[in-house]
Amino acid sequence: RPAVTGQTVLVVDDIFDEGDTLQAILAAVRRQGAAAVYSAALVNKRHNRKVPGLTVDFIGLDAPDRYVFGCGMDYKEYWRNLPAIYAARD
């Protein structure tokens, strides 16, 4: 585990869905004494089920509330290496 005391930390996530895991990671980094903590997500899913009060500092793109895959995110363990981001049909 890298020492973060007194450091500026950027936590990067692939997708900001509901935010439970991201919130826990941000809190842990702050508890470890980081001087400043920022968050970034490649994809932000648009819906109203987010952790109340949690925001992401940097968003790559917004996506509909559907299953997204590609660019490292898989769909049923397939298509992780697609060169773009796709959303499954409703």
PDB file of N, CA and C in Angstrom:
ATOM      1  N   ARG A   1       0.853  -1.171   0.000  1.00  0.00           N
ATOM      2  CA  ARG A   1       0.000   0.000   0.000  1.00  0.00           C
ATOM      3  C   ARG A   1       0.896   1.229   0.000  1.00  0.00           C
ATOM      4  N   PRO A   2       0.718   2.118  -0.954  1.00  0.00           N
ATOM      5  CA  PRO A   2       1.571   3.310  -1.005  1.00  0.00           C
ATOM      6  C   PRO A   2       1.234   4.290   0.106  1.00  0.00           C
ATOM      7  N   ALA A   3       2.246   4.984   0.595  1.00  0.00           N
ATOM      8  CA  ALA A   3       2.034   5.997   1.629  1.00  0.00           C
ATOM      9  C   ALA A   3       1.425   7.233   0.981  1.00  0.00           C
ATOM     10  N   VAL A   4       0.314   7.700   1.523  1.00  0.00           N
ATOM     11  CA  VAL A   4      -0.356   8.865   0.941  1.00  0.00           C
ATOM     12  C   VAL A   4      -0.335  10.067   1.886  1.00  0.00           C
ATOM     13  N   THR A   5       0.219   9.909   3.060  1.00  0.00           N
ATOM     14  CA  THR A   5       0.232  11.000   4.026  1.00  0.00           C
ATOM     15  C   THR A   5       0.864  12.246   3.413  1.00  0.00           C
ATOM     16  N   GLY A   6       0.114  13.341   3.439  1.00  0.00           N
ATOM     17  CA  GLY A   6       0.599  14.606   2.917  1.00  0.00           C
ATOM     18  C   GLY A   6       0.601  14.732   1.406  1.00  0.00           C
ATOM     19  N   GLN A   7       0.141  13.706   0.697  1.00  0.00           N
ATOM     20  CA  GLN A   7       0.162  13.700  -0.770  1.00  0.00           C
ATOM     21  C   GLN A   7      -1.188  14.126  -1.350  1.00  0.00           C
ATOM     22  N   THR A   8      -1.166  14.575  -2.582  1.00  0.00           N
ATOM     23  CA  THR A   8      -2.389  14.780  -3.346  1.00  0.00           C
ATOM     24  C   THR A   8      -2.660  13.486  -4.089  1.00  0.00           C
ATOM     25  N   VAL A   9      -3.880  12.958  -3.953  1.00  0.00           N
ATOM     26  CA  VAL A   9      -4.213  11.643  -4.506  1.00  0.00           C
ATOM     27  C   VAL A   9      -5.374  11.777  -5.483  1.00  0.00           C
ATOM     28  N   LEU A  10      -5.244  11.124  -6.626  1.00  0.00           N
ATOM     29  CA  LEU A  10      -6.322  11.027  -7.600  1.00  0.00           C
ATOM     30  C   LEU A  10      -6.762   9.569  -7.655  1.00  0.00           C
ATOM     31  N   VAL A  11      -8.011   9.303  -7.285  1.00  0.00           N
ATOM     32  CA  VAL A  11      -8.582   7.962  -7.352  1.00  0.00           C
ATOM     33  C   VAL A  11      -9.322   7.856  -8.678  1.00  0.00           C
ATOM     34  N   VAL A  12      -8.934   6.876  -9.501  1.00  0.00           N
ATOM     35  CA  VAL A  12      -9.505   6.717 -10.833  1.00  0.00           C
ATOM     36  C   VAL A  12     -10.345   5.450 -10.873  1.00  0.00           C
ATOM     37  N   ASP A  13     -11.555   5.578 -11.393  1.00  0.00           N
ATOM     38  CA  ASP A  13     -12.478   4.447 -11.488  1.00  0.00           C
ATOM     39  C   ASP A  13     -12.961   4.328 -12.930  1.00  0.00           C
ATOM     40  N   ASP A  14     -13.359   3.140 -13.333  1.00  0.00           N
ATOM     41  CA  ASP A  14     -13.848   2.970 -14.691  1.00  0.00           C
ATOM     42  C   ASP A  14     -15.251   3.533 -14.851  1.00  0.00           C
ATOM     43  N   ILE A  15     -16.128   3.264 -13.867  1.00  0.00           N
ATOM     44  CA  ILE A  15     -17.518   3.694 -14.007  1.00  0.00           C
ATOM     45  C   ILE A  15     -18.062   4.163 -12.664  1.00  0.00           C
ATOM     46  N   PHE A  16     -18.718   5.308 -12.678  1.00  0.00           N
ATOM     47  CA  PHE A  16     -19.390   5.838 -11.493  1.00  0.00           C
ATOM     48  C   PHE A  16     -20.849   5.464 -11.632  1.00  0.00           C
ATOM     49  N   ASP A  17     -21.219   4.364 -10.943  1.00  0.00           N
ATOM     50  CA  ASP A  17     -22.591   3.873 -11.008  1.00  0.00           C
ATOM     51  C   ASP A  17     -23.324   4.393  -9.778  1.00  0.00           C
ATOM     52  N   GLU A  18     -23.361   3.623  -8.705  1.00  0.00           N
ATOM     53  CA  GLU A  18     -24.018   4.096  -7.486  1.00  0.00           C
ATOM     54  C   GLU A  18     -23.034   4.784  -6.545  1.00  0.00           C
ATOM     55  N   GLY A  19     -21.782   4.343  -6.537  1.00  0.00           N
ATOM     56  CA  GLY A  19     -20.756   5.050  -5.793  1.00  0.00           C
ATOM     57  C   GLY A  19     -20.373   4.486  -4.441  1.00  0.00           C
ATOM     58  N   ASP A  20     -20.934   3.363  -4.043  1.00  0.00           N
ATOM     59  CA  ASP A  20     -20.615   2.808  -2.716  1.00  0.00           C
ATOM     60  C   ASP A  20     -19.124   2.491  -2.571  1.00  0.00           C
ATOM     61  N   THR A  21     -18.547   1.809  -3.543  1.00  0.00           N
ATOM     62  CA  THR A  21     -17.133   1.450  -3.472  1.00  0.00           C
ATOM     63  C   THR A  21     -16.253   2.689  -3.556  1.00  0.00           C
ATOM     64  N   LEU A  22     -16.562   3.593  -4.459  1.00  0.00           N
ATOM     65  CA  LEU A  22     -15.769   4.811  -4.595  1.00  0.00           C
ATOM     66  C   LEU A  22     -15.797   5.614  -3.300  1.00  0.00           C
ATOM     67  N   GLN A  23     -16.949   5.734  -2.678  1.00  0.00           N
ATOM     68  CA  GLN A  23     -17.050   6.464  -1.414  1.00  0.00           C
ATOM     69  C   GLN A  23     -16.156   5.834  -0.344  1.00  0.00           C
ATOM     70  N   ALA A  24     -16.148   4.513  -0.258  1.00  0.00           N
ATOM     71  CA  ALA A  24     -15.325   3.817   0.733  1.00  0.00           C
ATOM     72  C   ALA A  24     -13.837   4.039   0.464  1.00  0.00           C
ATOM     73  N   ILE A  25     -13.437   3.990  -0.795  1.00  0.00           N
ATOM     74  CA  ILE A  25     -12.023   4.195  -1.138  1.00  0.00           C
ATOM     75  C   ILE A  25     -11.597   5.631  -0.826  1.00  0.00           C
ATOM     76  N   LEU A  26     -12.416   6.602  -1.189  1.00  0.00           N
ATOM     77  CA  LEU A  26     -12.092   8.001  -0.907  1.00  0.00           C
ATOM     78  C   LEU A  26     -11.959   8.234   0.600  1.00  0.00           C
ATOM     79  N   ALA A  27     -12.857   7.649   1.372  1.00  0.00           N
ATOM     80  CA  ALA A  27     -12.794   7.795   2.837  1.00  0.00           C
ATOM     81  C   ALA A  27     -11.523   7.160   3.388  1.00  0.00           C
ATOM     82  N   ALA A  28     -11.143   5.998   2.879  1.00  0.00           N
ATOM     83  CA  ALA A  28      -9.927   5.321   3.353  1.00  0.00           C
ATOM     84  C   ALA A  28      -8.682   6.145   3.045  1.00  0.00           C
ATOM     85  N   VAL A  29      -8.628   6.723   1.855  1.00  0.00           N
ATOM     86  CA  VAL A  29      -7.473   7.540   1.475  1.00  0.00           C
ATOM     87  C   VAL A  29      -7.394   8.785   2.371  1.00  0.00           C
ATOM     88  N   ARG A  30      -8.539   9.377   2.641  1.00  0.00           N
ATOM     89  CA  ARG A  30      -8.547  10.548   3.545  1.00  0.00           C
ATOM     90  C   ARG A  30      -8.091  10.158   4.945  1.00  0.00           C
ATOM     91  N   ARG A  31      -8.549   9.017   5.442  1.00  0.00           N
ATOM     92  CA  ARG A  31      -8.136   8.543   6.783  1.00  0.00           C
ATOM     93  C   ARG A  31      -6.634   8.303   6.851  1.00  0.00           C
ATOM     94  N   GLN A  32      -6.037   7.950   5.721  1.00  0.00           N
ATOM     95  CA  GLN A  32      -4.592   7.697   5.687  1.00  0.00           C
ATOM     96  C   GLN A  32      -3.789   8.989   5.636  1.00  0.00           C
ATOM     97  N   GLY A  33      -4.478  10.135   5.648  1.00  0.00           N
ATOM     98  CA  GLY A  33      -3.782  11.403   5.769  1.00  0.00           C
ATOM     99  C   GLY A  33      -3.421  12.116   4.488  1.00  0.00           C
ATOM    100  N   ALA A  34      -4.102  11.817   3.395  1.00  0.00           N
ATOM    101  CA  ALA A  34      -3.824  12.531   2.146  1.00  0.00           C
ATOM    102  C   ALA A  34      -4.129  14.016   2.326  1.00  0.00           C
ATOM    103  N   ALA A  35      -3.301  14.858   1.738  1.00  0.00           N
ATOM    104  CA  ALA A  35      -3.497  16.308   1.840  1.00  0.00           C
ATOM    105  C   ALA A  35      -4.709  16.743   1.029  1.00  0.00           C
ATOM    106  N   ALA A  36      -4.917  16.141  -0.121  1.00  0.00           N
ATOM    107  CA  ALA A  36      -6.067  16.430  -0.985  1.00  0.00           C
ATOM    108  C   ALA A  36      -6.425  15.152  -1.729  1.00  0.00           C
ATOM    109  N   VAL A  37      -7.715  14.936  -1.916  1.00  0.00           N
ATOM    110  CA  VAL A  37      -8.181  13.726  -2.597  1.00  0.00           C
ATOM    111  C   VAL A  37      -9.160  14.136  -3.691  1.00  0.00           C
ATOM    112  N   TYR A  38      -8.891  13.685  -4.913  1.00  0.00           N
ATOM    113  CA  TYR A  38      -9.759  13.939  -6.055  1.00  0.00           C
ATOM    114  C   TYR A  38     -10.192  12.599  -6.637  1.00  0.00           C
ATOM    115  N   SER A  39     -11.279  12.627  -7.395  1.00  0.00           N
ATOM    116  CA  SER A  39     -11.769  11.405  -8.022  1.00  0.00           C
ATOM    117  C   SER A  39     -12.033  11.652  -9.498  1.00  0.00           C
ATOM    118  N   ALA A  40     -11.855  10.590 -10.281  1.00  0.00           N
ATOM    119  CA  ALA A  40     -12.120  10.639 -11.716  1.00  0.00           C
ATOM    120  C   ALA A  40     -12.777   9.328 -12.126  1.00  0.00           C
ATOM    121  N   ALA A  41     -13.694   9.412 -13.074  1.00  0.00           N
ATOM    122  CA  ALA A  41     -14.333   8.211 -13.613  1.00  0.00           C
ATOM    123  C   ALA A  41     -14.430   8.351 -15.123  1.00  0.00           C
ATOM    124  N   LEU A  42     -14.129   7.276 -15.815  1.00  0.00           N
ATOM    125  CA  LEU A  42     -14.238   7.278 -17.267  1.00  0.00           C
ATOM    126  C   LEU A  42     -15.692   7.484 -17.684  1.00  0.00           C
ATOM    127  N   VAL A  43     -16.615   6.768 -17.026  1.00  0.00           N
ATOM    128  CA  VAL A  43     -18.032   6.815 -17.393  1.00  0.00           C
ATOM    129  C   VAL A  43     -18.871   7.151 -16.168  1.00  0.00           C
ATOM    130  N   ASN A  44     -19.816   8.043 -16.330  1.00  0.00           N
ATOM    131  CA  ASN A  44     -20.801   8.370 -15.307  1.00  0.00           C
ATOM    132  C   ASN A  44     -22.160   7.890 -15.793  1.00  0.00           C
ATOM    133  N   LYS A  45     -22.758   6.943 -15.056  1.00  0.00           N
ATOM    134  CA  LYS A  45     -24.095   6.477 -15.418  1.00  0.00           C
ATOM    135  C   LYS A  45     -25.118   7.482 -14.904  1.00  0.00           C
ATOM    136  N   ARG A  46     -26.012   7.908 -15.790  1.00  0.00           N
ATOM    137  CA  ARG A  46     -27.051   8.877 -15.422  1.00  0.00           C
ATOM    138  C   ARG A  46     -28.248   8.162 -14.809  1.00  0.00           C
ATOM    139  N   HIS A  47     -28.413   8.325 -13.500  1.00  0.00           N
ATOM    140  CA  HIS A  47     -29.595   7.834 -12.777  1.00  0.00           C
ATOM    141  C   HIS A  47     -29.606   8.507 -11.411  1.00  0.00           C
ATOM    142  N   ASN A  48     -30.658   8.267 -10.638  1.00  0.00           N
ATOM    143  CA  ASN A  48     -30.796   8.916  -9.337  1.00  0.00           C
ATOM    144  C   ASN A  48     -30.547   7.979  -8.156  1.00  0.00           C
ATOM    145  N   ARG A  49     -29.755   6.929  -8.358  1.00  0.00           N
ATOM    146  CA  ARG A  49     -29.456   5.985  -7.274  1.00  0.00           C
ATOM    147  C   ARG A  49     -28.066   6.201  -6.671  1.00  0.00           C
ATOM    148  N   LYS A  50     -27.448   7.346  -6.913  1.00  0.00           N
ATOM    149  CA  LYS A  50     -26.094   7.630  -6.414  1.00  0.00           C
ATOM    150  C   LYS A  50     -26.097   7.775  -4.894  1.00  0.00           C
ATOM    151  N   VAL A  51     -24.936   7.548  -4.298  1.00  0.00           N
ATOM    152  CA  VAL A  51     -24.754   7.820  -2.871  1.00  0.00           C
ATOM    153  C   VAL A  51     -25.011   9.307  -2.667  1.00  0.00           C
ATOM    154  N   PRO A  52     -25.902   9.662  -1.754  1.00  0.00           N
ATOM    155  CA  PRO A  52     -26.213  11.082  -1.543  1.00  0.00           C
ATOM    156  C   PRO A  52     -24.957  11.890  -1.197  1.00  0.00           C
ATOM    157  N   GLY A  53     -24.790  13.009  -1.891  1.00  0.00           N
ATOM    158  CA  GLY A  53     -23.684  13.911  -1.614  1.00  0.00           C
ATOM    159  C   GLY A  53     -22.361  13.556  -2.273  1.00  0.00           C
ATOM    160  N   LEU A  54     -22.255  12.383  -2.878  1.00  0.00           N
ATOM    161  CA  LEU A  54     -21.006  11.979  -3.513  1.00  0.00           C
ATOM    162  C   LEU A  54     -20.953  12.519  -4.940  1.00  0.00           C
ATOM    163  N   THR A  55     -19.884  13.230  -5.245  1.00  0.00           N
ATOM    164  CA  THR A  55     -19.667  13.711  -6.602  1.00  0.00           C
ATOM    165  C   THR A  55     -18.286  13.268  -7.060  1.00  0.00           C
ATOM    166  N   VAL A  56     -18.111  13.208  -8.359  1.00  0.00           N
ATOM    167  CA  VAL A  56     -16.822  12.862  -8.945  1.00  0.00           C
ATOM    168  C   VAL A  56     -16.255  14.138  -9.557  1.00  0.00           C
ATOM    169  N   ASP A  57     -14.983  14.394  -9.299  1.00  0.00           N
ATOM    170  CA  ASP A  57     -14.361  15.634  -9.757  1.00  0.00           C
ATOM    171  C   ASP A  57     -14.168  15.691 -11.269  1.00  0.00           C
ATOM    172  N   PHE A  58     -13.829  14.567 -11.880  1.00  0.00           N
ATOM    173  CA  PHE A  58     -13.543  14.539 -13.309  1.00  0.00           C
ATOM    174  C   PHE A  58     -14.288  13.367 -13.946  1.00  0.00           C
ATOM    175  N   ILE A  59     -15.108  13.653 -14.964  1.00  0.00           N
ATOM    176  CA  ILE A  59     -15.897  12.638 -15.664  1.00  0.00           C
ATOM    177  C   ILE A  59     -15.488  12.631 -17.132  1.00  0.00           C
ATOM    178  N   GLY A  60     -15.248  11.434 -17.673  1.00  0.00           N
ATOM    179  CA  GLY A  60     -14.916  11.321 -19.087  1.00  0.00           C
ATOM    180  C   GLY A  60     -16.140  11.502 -19.964  1.00  0.00           C
ATOM    181  N   LEU A  61     -17.210  10.747 -19.680  1.00  0.00           N
ATOM    182  CA  LEU A  61     -18.441  10.863 -20.455  1.00  0.00           C
ATOM    183  C   LEU A  61     -19.614  10.364 -19.638  1.00  0.00           C
ATOM    184  N   ASP A  62     -20.791  10.854 -19.990  1.00  0.00           N
ATOM    185  CA  ASP A  62     -22.030  10.394 -19.371  1.00  0.00           C
ATOM    186  C   ASP A  62     -22.630   9.297 -20.227  1.00  0.00           C
ATOM    187  N   ALA A  63     -23.276   8.337 -19.564  1.00  0.00           N
ATOM    188  CA  ALA A  63     -23.894   7.230 -20.280  1.00  0.00           C
ATOM    189  C   ALA A  63     -25.296   7.005 -19.724  1.00  0.00           C
ATOM    190  N   PRO A  64     -26.166   6.438 -20.537  1.00  0.00           N
ATOM    191  CA  PRO A  64     -27.509   6.119 -20.041  1.00  0.00           C
ATOM    192  C   PRO A  64     -27.426   5.035 -18.973  1.00  0.00           C
ATOM    193  N   ASP A  65     -28.510   4.865 -18.260  1.00  0.00           N
ATOM    194  CA  ASP A  65     -28.574   3.860 -17.199  1.00  0.00           C
ATOM    195  C   ASP A  65     -28.787   2.477 -17.800  1.00  0.00           C
ATOM    196  N   ARG A  66     -27.757   2.018 -18.516  1.00  0.00           N
ATOM    197  CA  ARG A  66     -27.747   0.695 -19.119  1.00  0.00           C
ATOM    198  C   ARG A  66     -26.384   0.075 -18.863  1.00  0.00           C
ATOM    199  N   TYR A  67     -26.263  -1.206 -19.122  1.00  0.00           N
ATOM    200  CA  TYR A  67     -24.983  -1.883 -18.946  1.00  0.00           C
ATOM    201  C   TYR A  67     -24.026  -1.400 -20.023  1.00  0.00           C
ATOM    202  N   VAL A  68     -22.854  -0.899 -19.621  1.00  0.00           N
ATOM    203  CA  VAL A  68     -21.863  -0.423 -20.587  1.00  0.00           C
ATOM    204  C   VAL A  68     -20.649  -1.349 -20.580  1.00  0.00           C
ATOM    205  N   PHE A  69     -19.991  -1.449 -21.747  1.00  0.00           N
ATOM    206  CA  PHE A  69     -18.832  -2.337 -21.864  1.00  0.00           C
ATOM    207  C   PHE A  69     -17.884  -1.807 -22.921  1.00  0.00           C
ATOM    208  N   GLY A  70     -16.658  -2.333 -22.906  1.00  0.00           N
ATOM    209  CA  GLY A  70     -15.595  -1.897 -23.807  1.00  0.00           C
ATOM    210  C   GLY A  70     -14.596  -1.050 -23.043  1.00  0.00           C
ATOM    211  N   CYS A  71     -13.416  -0.826 -23.624  1.00  0.00           N
ATOM    212  CA  CYS A  71     -12.354  -0.031 -22.981  1.00  0.00           C
ATOM    213  C   CYS A  71     -12.038  -0.529 -21.574  1.00  0.00           C
ATOM    214  N   GLY A  72     -11.933  -1.846 -21.424  1.00  0.00           N
ATOM    215  CA  GLY A  72     -11.578  -2.427 -20.129  1.00  0.00           C
ATOM    216  C   GLY A  72     -12.754  -2.926 -19.316  1.00  0.00           C
ATOM    217  N   MET A  73     -13.969  -2.561 -19.687  1.00  0.00           N
ATOM    218  CA  MET A  73     -15.169  -3.018 -18.970  1.00  0.00           C
ATOM    219  C   MET A  73     -15.788  -4.149 -19.775  1.00  0.00           C
ATOM    220  N   ASP A  74     -16.077  -5.268 -19.110  1.00  0.00           N
ATOM    221  CA  ASP A  74     -16.570  -6.415 -19.870  1.00  0.00           C
ATOM    222  C   ASP A  74     -18.084  -6.559 -19.781  1.00  0.00           C
ATOM    223  N   TYR A  75     -18.615  -7.350 -20.678  1.00  0.00           N
ATOM    224  CA  TYR A  75     -20.020  -7.736 -20.675  1.00  0.00           C
ATOM    225  C   TYR A  75     -20.043  -9.252 -20.619  1.00  0.00           C
ATOM    226  N   LYS A  76     -20.431  -9.804 -19.464  1.00  0.00           N
ATOM    227  CA  LYS A  76     -20.459 -11.250 -19.244  1.00  0.00           C
ATOM    228  C   LYS A  76     -19.120 -11.885 -19.603  1.00  0.00           C
ATOM    229  N   GLU A  77     -18.032 -11.208 -19.226  1.00  0.00           N
ATOM    230  CA  GLU A  77     -16.653 -11.625 -19.436  1.00  0.00           C
ATOM    231  C   GLU A  77     -16.212 -11.594 -20.907  1.00  0.00           C
ATOM    232  N   TYR A  78     -16.945 -10.867 -21.733  1.00  0.00           N
ATOM    233  CA  TYR A  78     -16.583 -10.686 -23.135  1.00  0.00           C
ATOM    234  C   TYR A  78     -16.436  -9.204 -23.442  1.00  0.00           C
ATOM    235  N   TRP A  79     -15.794  -8.910 -24.554  1.00  0.00           N
ATOM    236  CA  TRP A  79     -15.730  -7.585 -25.162  1.00  0.00           C
ATOM    237  C   TRP A  79     -15.003  -6.535 -24.330  1.00  0.00           C
ATOM    238  N   ARG A  80     -14.188  -6.948 -23.394  1.00  0.00           N
ATOM    239  CA  ARG A  80     -13.415  -6.017 -22.566  1.00  0.00           C
ATOM    240  C   ARG A  80     -12.453  -5.185 -23.417  1.00  0.00           C
ATOM    241  N   ASN A  81     -11.924  -5.769 -24.467  1.00  0.00           N
ATOM    242  CA  ASN A  81     -10.888  -5.095 -25.252  1.00  0.00           C
ATOM    243  C   ASN A  81     -11.423  -4.306 -26.445  1.00  0.00           C
ATOM    244  N   LEU A  82     -12.712  -4.073 -26.502  1.00  0.00           N
ATOM    245  CA  LEU A  82     -13.245  -3.254 -27.592  1.00  0.00           C
ATOM    246  C   LEU A  82     -12.665  -1.850 -27.512  1.00  0.00           C
ATOM    247  N   PRO A  83     -12.413  -1.214 -28.651  1.00  0.00           N
ATOM    248  CA  PRO A  83     -11.759   0.095 -28.652  1.00  0.00           C
ATOM    249  C   PRO A  83     -12.702   1.267 -28.380  1.00  0.00           C
ATOM    250  N   ALA A  84     -13.956   0.998 -28.058  1.00  0.00           N
ATOM    251  CA  ALA A  84     -14.930   2.060 -27.765  1.00  0.00           C
ATOM    252  C   ALA A  84     -15.831   1.574 -26.631  1.00  0.00           C
ATOM    253  N   ILE A  85     -16.687   2.456 -26.147  1.00  0.00           N
ATOM    254  CA  ILE A  85     -17.621   2.116 -25.083  1.00  0.00           C
ATOM    255  C   ILE A  85     -19.002   1.977 -25.680  1.00  0.00           C
ATOM    256  N   TYR A  86     -19.672   0.877 -25.350  1.00  0.00           N
ATOM    257  CA  TYR A  86     -20.998   0.567 -25.879  1.00  0.00           C
ATOM    258  C   TYR A  86     -21.961   0.361 -24.733  1.00  0.00           C
ATOM    259  N   ALA A  87     -23.243   0.570 -24.990  1.00  0.00           N
ATOM    260  CA  ALA A  87     -24.293   0.323 -24.000  1.00  0.00           C
ATOM    261  C   ALA A  87     -25.181  -0.799 -24.517  1.00  0.00           C
ATOM    262  N   ALA A  88     -25.507  -1.743 -23.641  1.00  0.00           N
ATOM    263  CA  ALA A  88     -26.404  -2.836 -24.013  1.00  0.00           C
ATOM    264  C   ALA A  88     -27.802  -2.265 -24.256  1.00  0.00           C
ATOM    265  N   ARG A  89     -28.522  -2.893 -25.125  1.00  0.00           N
ATOM    266  CA  ARG A  89     -29.898  -2.469 -25.385  1.00  0.00           C
ATOM    267  C   ARG A  89     -30.752  -2.720 -24.161  1.00  0.00           C
ATOM    268  N   ASP A  90     -31.825  -1.952 -24.059  1.00  0.00           N
ATOM    269  CA  ASP A  90     -32.775  -2.139 -22.932  1.00  0.00           C
ATOM    270  C   ASP A  90     -33.429  -3.493 -22.998  1.00  0.00           C
TER     271      ASP A  90
END
